[in-house]
Amino acid sequence: MSVSSNGVHEHPARTICGIATELFSIMIPDLYDPTAIPTAWQKFWSGFPKSDLPNGSSAFGVVTPINEPPGKLRYLAGVEVNSDYVAPAGFEVIEVPSGNYLELAHEGNIAMLGESYGEAYGVAFPQTGLEMREAAHIELYDSSLNPNADDYRMGIFIPVK
């Protein structure tokens, strides 16, 4: 498992359609349900209309805090769609505005993602001296790769000012 920084980049606005779930922060191991995110992805891939999947293999995890109780997050597992896309039953569409993100790369089996998050938010981000802004945190997956492989690679995007 490793986390490497790709620097700060401006990202365009995105429209994501997916399955939402609520979970406690993955930074608090005793509250985190490790089945929540994989279950959201299983529901997404089994229920999203295959004919509506965009070209390419990018998939997005969009994480936004829920104010009460502290540490609770809303996670949306999905793909980018056109802004006029009508979500099928059980799915929802959210807008992720454009903005600057610190791009960090997780490399390793996805089972190690929790440890990568700890390193990303607890070590790599503080070392940059950047200030976080209120916005969605994004995960970028390549759905054509094997998440259980030791060389699996995905993006962790932290919103910065």
C-alpha atoms as a PDB file:
ATOM      1  CA  MET A   1       0.000   0.000   0.000  1.00  0.00           C
ATOM      2  CA  SER A   2       1.248   3.464  -0.833  1.00  0.00           C
ATOM      3  CA  VAL A   3      -0.109   6.982  -1.181  1.00  0.00           C
ATOM      4  CA  SER A   4       1.519   9.433  -3.554  1.00  0.00           C
ATOM      5  CA  SER A   5       0.685  13.056  -4.322  1.00  0.00           C
ATOM      6  CA  ASN A   6      -0.134  14.174  -7.854  1.00  0.00           C
ATOM      7  CA  GLY A   7      -0.437  17.831  -6.798  1.00  0.00           C
ATOM      8  CA  VAL A   8      -3.319  20.310  -6.884  1.00  0.00           C
ATOM      9  CA  HIS A   9      -5.514  20.475  -9.970  1.00  0.00           C
ATOM     10  CA  GLU A  10      -8.725  22.255 -10.981  1.00  0.00           C
ATOM     11  CA  HIS A  11     -11.488  19.782 -11.747  1.00  0.00           C
ATOM     12  CA  PRO A  12     -14.603  20.515 -13.782  1.00  0.00           C
ATOM     13  CA  ALA A  13     -18.157  20.289 -12.503  1.00  0.00           C
ATOM     14  CA  ARG A  14     -19.537  16.763 -12.692  1.00  0.00           C
ATOM     15  CA  THR A  15     -22.976  15.195 -12.620  1.00  0.00           C
ATOM     16  CA  ILE A  16     -22.906  11.791 -10.909  1.00  0.00           C
ATOM     17  CA  CYS A  17     -25.729   9.241 -10.819  1.00  0.00           C
ATOM     18  CA  GLY A  18     -25.492   6.509  -8.262  1.00  0.00           C
ATOM     19  CA  ILE A  19     -26.543   4.692  -5.109  1.00  0.00           C
ATOM     20  CA  ALA A  20     -26.220   6.573  -1.816  1.00  0.00           C
ATOM     21  CA  THR A  21     -25.458   5.159   1.598  1.00  0.00           C
ATOM     22  CA  GLU A  22     -24.607   6.639   4.987  1.00  0.00           C
ATOM     23  CA  LEU A  23     -21.582   5.590   6.988  1.00  0.00           C
ATOM     24  CA  PHE A  24     -19.300   6.777   9.765  1.00  0.00           C
ATOM     25  CA  SER A  25     -15.909   8.182   8.851  1.00  0.00           C
ATOM     26  CA  ILE A  26     -13.384   5.600   7.727  1.00  0.00           C
ATOM     27  CA  MET A  27     -10.907   7.501   9.909  1.00  0.00           C
ATOM     28  CA  ILE A  28     -12.669   6.164  13.038  1.00  0.00           C
ATOM     29  CA  PRO A  29     -12.146   2.378  12.813  1.00  0.00           C
ATOM     30  CA  ASP A  30     -14.455   1.414  15.683  1.00  0.00           C
ATOM     31  CA  LEU A  31     -17.419   3.150  13.992  1.00  0.00           C
ATOM     32  CA  TYR A  32     -16.660   2.264  10.375  1.00  0.00           C
ATOM     33  CA  ASP A  33     -18.723  -0.429   8.681  1.00  0.00           C
ATOM     34  CA  PRO A  34     -16.316  -1.982   6.151  1.00  0.00           C
ATOM     35  CA  THR A  35     -19.225  -3.514   4.208  1.00  0.00           C
ATOM     36  CA  ALA A  36     -21.032  -0.197   3.547  1.00  0.00           C
ATOM     37  CA  ILE A  37     -19.043   1.015   0.547  1.00  0.00           C
ATOM     38  CA  PRO A  38     -18.624  -2.380  -1.166  1.00  0.00           C
ATOM     39  CA  THR A  39     -22.375  -2.969  -0.711  1.00  0.00           C
ATOM     40  CA  ALA A  40     -23.158   0.399  -2.329  1.00  0.00           C
ATOM     41  CA  TRP A  41     -20.982  -0.538  -5.324  1.00  0.00           C
ATOM     42  CA  GLN A  42     -22.581  -3.989  -5.610  1.00  0.00           C
ATOM     43  CA  LYS A  43     -26.026  -2.361  -5.663  1.00  0.00           C
ATOM     44  CA  PHE A  44     -24.853   0.176  -8.227  1.00  0.00           C
ATOM     45  CA  TRP A  45     -23.301  -2.335 -10.654  1.00  0.00           C
ATOM     46  CA  SER A  46     -26.188  -4.787 -10.348  1.00  0.00           C
ATOM     47  CA  GLY A  47     -28.939  -2.188 -10.805  1.00  0.00           C
ATOM     48  CA  PHE A  48     -27.662   0.626 -13.016  1.00  0.00           C
ATOM     49  CA  PRO A  49     -28.941   0.218 -16.604  1.00  0.00           C
ATOM     50  CA  LYS A  50     -25.991  -1.084 -18.641  1.00  0.00           C
ATOM     51  CA  SER A  51     -27.238   0.817 -21.692  1.00  0.00           C
ATOM     52  CA  ASP A  52     -26.837   4.084 -19.726  1.00  0.00           C
ATOM     53  CA  LEU A  53     -23.229   3.473 -18.697  1.00  0.00           C
ATOM     54  CA  PRO A  54     -20.973   6.145 -20.192  1.00  0.00           C
ATOM     55  CA  ASN A  55     -18.078   5.307 -22.475  1.00  0.00           C
ATOM     56  CA  GLY A  56     -14.910   4.750 -20.511  1.00  0.00           C
ATOM     57  CA  SER A  57     -14.333   3.023 -17.228  1.00  0.00           C
ATOM     58  CA  SER A  58     -14.313   5.847 -14.675  1.00  0.00           C
ATOM     59  CA  ALA A  59     -16.492   5.475 -11.607  1.00  0.00           C
ATOM     60  CA  PHE A  60     -16.803   7.938  -8.722  1.00  0.00           C
ATOM     61  CA  GLY A  61     -17.277   7.720  -4.983  1.00  0.00           C
ATOM     62  CA  VAL A  62     -18.562  11.096  -3.751  1.00  0.00           C
ATOM     63  CA  VAL A  63     -18.283  11.714  -0.008  1.00  0.00           C
ATOM     64  CA  THR A  64     -20.031  14.569   1.816  1.00  0.00           C
ATOM     65  CA  PRO A  65     -20.256  15.107   5.576  1.00  0.00           C
ATOM     66  CA  ILE A  66     -23.583  14.873   7.407  1.00  0.00           C
ATOM     67  CA  ASN A  67     -23.800  17.427  10.228  1.00  0.00           C
ATOM     68  CA  GLU A  68     -25.430  15.190  12.833  1.00  0.00           C
ATOM     69  CA  PRO A  69     -24.073  13.008  14.317  1.00  0.00           C
ATOM     70  CA  PRO A  70     -20.397  14.013  13.985  1.00  0.00           C
ATOM     71  CA  GLY A  71     -18.286  11.682  11.862  1.00  0.00           C
ATOM     72  CA  LYS A  72     -21.232  10.554   9.729  1.00  0.00           C
ATOM     73  CA  LEU A  73     -20.770  10.684   5.947  1.00  0.00           C
ATOM     74  CA  ARG A  74     -22.941  10.312   2.893  1.00  0.00           C
ATOM     75  CA  TYR A  75     -21.336   8.189   0.187  1.00  0.00           C
ATOM     76  CA  LEU A  76     -22.568   8.027  -3.400  1.00  0.00           C
ATOM     77  CA  ALA A  77     -21.238   5.238  -5.638  1.00  0.00           C
ATOM     78  CA  GLY A  78     -21.781   6.074  -9.292  1.00  0.00           C
ATOM     79  CA  VAL A  79     -20.719   7.241 -12.728  1.00  0.00           C
ATOM     80  CA  GLU A  80     -20.670  10.577 -14.516  1.00  0.00           C
ATOM     81  CA  VAL A  81     -23.742  11.283 -16.638  1.00  0.00           C
ATOM     82  CA  ASN A  82     -25.105  14.198 -18.669  1.00  0.00           C
ATOM     83  CA  SER A  83     -26.621  17.035 -16.630  1.00  0.00           C
ATOM     84  CA  ASP A  84     -30.106  16.253 -18.014  1.00  0.00           C
ATOM     85  CA  TYR A  85     -29.926  12.540 -17.120  1.00  0.00           C
ATOM     86  CA  VAL A  86     -33.053  11.151 -15.458  1.00  0.00           C
ATOM     87  CA  ALA A  87     -32.098   8.726 -12.689  1.00  0.00           C
ATOM     88  CA  PRO A  88     -33.839   5.342 -12.653  1.00  0.00           C
ATOM     89  CA  ALA A  89     -35.781   4.338  -9.536  1.00  0.00           C
ATOM     90  CA  GLY A  90     -33.494   3.783  -6.555  1.00  0.00           C
ATOM     91  CA  PHE A  91     -30.729   5.987  -7.980  1.00  0.00           C
ATOM     92  CA  GLU A  92     -30.078   9.684  -7.552  1.00  0.00           C
ATOM     93  CA  VAL A  93     -28.245  12.431  -9.392  1.00  0.00           C
ATOM     94  CA  ILE A  94     -25.934  14.896  -7.639  1.00  0.00           C
ATOM     95  CA  GLU A  95     -23.894  17.827  -8.910  1.00  0.00           C
ATOM     96  CA  VAL A  96     -20.261  18.137  -7.878  1.00  0.00           C
ATOM     97  CA  PRO A  97     -19.150  21.729  -8.539  1.00  0.00           C
ATOM     98  CA  SER A  98     -15.782  22.515 -10.087  1.00  0.00           C
ATOM     99  CA  GLY A  99     -12.862  23.403  -7.866  1.00  0.00           C
ATOM    100  CA  ASN A 100      -9.332  22.687  -6.771  1.00  0.00           C
ATOM    101  CA  TYR A 101      -8.457  19.256  -5.432  1.00  0.00           C
ATOM    102  CA  LEU A 102      -5.301  17.757  -4.026  1.00  0.00           C
ATOM    103  CA  GLU A 103      -4.942  14.528  -5.976  1.00  0.00           C
ATOM    104  CA  LEU A 104      -3.523  11.588  -4.066  1.00  0.00           C
ATOM    105  CA  ALA A 105      -3.115   8.107  -5.492  1.00  0.00           C
ATOM    106  CA  HIS A 106      -3.771   4.918  -3.509  1.00  0.00           C
ATOM    107  CA  GLU A 107      -1.821   1.960  -4.825  1.00  0.00           C
ATOM    108  CA  GLY A 108      -2.438  -1.527  -3.524  1.00  0.00           C
ATOM    109  CA  ASN A 109      -5.270  -3.901  -2.791  1.00  0.00           C
ATOM    110  CA  ILE A 110      -8.510  -2.017  -2.098  1.00  0.00           C
ATOM    111  CA  ALA A 111      -8.689  -3.799   1.258  1.00  0.00           C
ATOM    112  CA  MET A 112      -5.899  -1.398   2.306  1.00  0.00           C
ATOM    113  CA  LEU A 113      -7.879   1.716   1.337  1.00  0.00           C
ATOM    114  CA  GLY A 114      -8.701   2.589   4.967  1.00  0.00           C
ATOM    115  CA  GLU A 115      -4.977   2.730   5.741  1.00  0.00           C
ATOM    116  CA  SER A 116      -4.407   4.882   2.658  1.00  0.00           C
ATOM    117  CA  TYR A 117      -7.097   7.284   3.845  1.00  0.00           C
ATOM    118  CA  GLY A 118      -5.336   7.543   7.201  1.00  0.00           C
ATOM    119  CA  GLU A 119      -2.062   8.357   5.431  1.00  0.00           C
ATOM    120  CA  ALA A 120      -3.725  10.709   2.930  1.00  0.00           C
ATOM    121  CA  TYR A 121      -5.601  12.801   5.513  1.00  0.00           C
ATOM    122  CA  GLY A 122      -3.276  12.336   8.481  1.00  0.00           C
ATOM    123  CA  VAL A 123       0.149  12.656   6.814  1.00  0.00           C
ATOM    124  CA  ALA A 124       0.189  13.646   3.115  1.00  0.00           C
ATOM    125  CA  PHE A 125      -2.437  16.413   3.274  1.00  0.00           C
ATOM    126  CA  PRO A 126      -1.036  18.145   6.405  1.00  0.00           C
ATOM    127  CA  GLN A 127       2.455  18.129   4.847  1.00  0.00           C
ATOM    128  CA  THR A 128       1.223  20.245   1.917  1.00  0.00           C
ATOM    129  CA  GLY A 129       0.242  23.223   4.102  1.00  0.00           C
ATOM    130  CA  LEU A 130      -2.958  23.548   2.049  1.00  0.00           C
ATOM    131  CA  GLU A 131      -6.322  24.491   3.516  1.00  0.00           C
ATOM    132  CA  MET A 132      -9.328  22.245   2.976  1.00  0.00           C
ATOM    133  CA  ARG A 133     -12.495  23.815   1.560  1.00  0.00           C
ATOM    134  CA  GLU A 134     -16.090  22.749   2.091  1.00  0.00           C
ATOM    135  CA  ALA A 135     -16.925  20.518  -0.841  1.00  0.00           C
ATOM    136  CA  ALA A 136     -17.383  16.891  -1.749  1.00  0.00           C
ATOM    137  CA  HIS A 137     -14.412  14.567  -1.364  1.00  0.00           C
ATOM    138  CA  ILE A 138     -14.017  12.333  -4.402  1.00  0.00           C
ATOM    139  CA  GLU A 139     -12.724   8.854  -5.114  1.00  0.00           C
ATOM    140  CA  LEU A 140     -11.930   8.043  -8.751  1.00  0.00           C
ATOM    141  CA  TYR A 141     -11.927   4.381  -9.740  1.00  0.00           C
ATOM    142  CA  ASP A 142     -11.053   2.673 -12.987  1.00  0.00           C
ATOM    143  CA  SER A 143     -13.685  -0.047 -13.119  1.00  0.00           C
ATOM    144  CA  SER A 144     -11.647  -2.025 -15.644  1.00  0.00           C
ATOM    145  CA  LEU A 145      -8.917  -2.731 -13.047  1.00  0.00           C
ATOM    146  CA  ASN A 146      -8.950  -5.492 -10.449  1.00  0.00           C
ATOM    147  CA  PRO A 147      -9.408  -3.845  -7.022  1.00  0.00           C
ATOM    148  CA  ASN A 148      -8.011  -6.948  -5.298  1.00  0.00           C
ATOM    149  CA  ALA A 149      -4.681  -6.764  -7.141  1.00  0.00           C
ATOM    150  CA  ASP A 150      -1.593  -5.513  -5.323  1.00  0.00           C
ATOM    151  CA  ASP A 151      -0.950  -2.970  -8.102  1.00  0.00           C
ATOM    152  CA  TYR A 152      -4.509  -1.558  -8.100  1.00  0.00           C
ATOM    153  CA  ARG A 153      -4.487   2.250  -8.362  1.00  0.00           C
ATOM    154  CA  MET A 154      -7.224   4.785  -7.641  1.00  0.00           C
ATOM    155  CA  GLY A 155      -7.519   8.480  -6.851  1.00  0.00           C
ATOM    156  CA  ILE A 156      -8.354  10.208  -3.565  1.00  0.00           C
ATOM    157  CA  PHE A 157      -9.303  13.863  -4.164  1.00  0.00           C
ATOM    158  CA  ILE A 158      -9.318  16.301  -1.233  1.00  0.00           C
ATOM    159  CA  PRO A 159     -11.017  19.681  -1.878  1.00  0.00           C
ATOM    160  CA  VAL A 160      -8.609  22.568  -1.228  1.00  0.00           C
ATOM    161  CA  LYS A 161      -8.765  26.360  -1.428  1.00  0.00           C
END
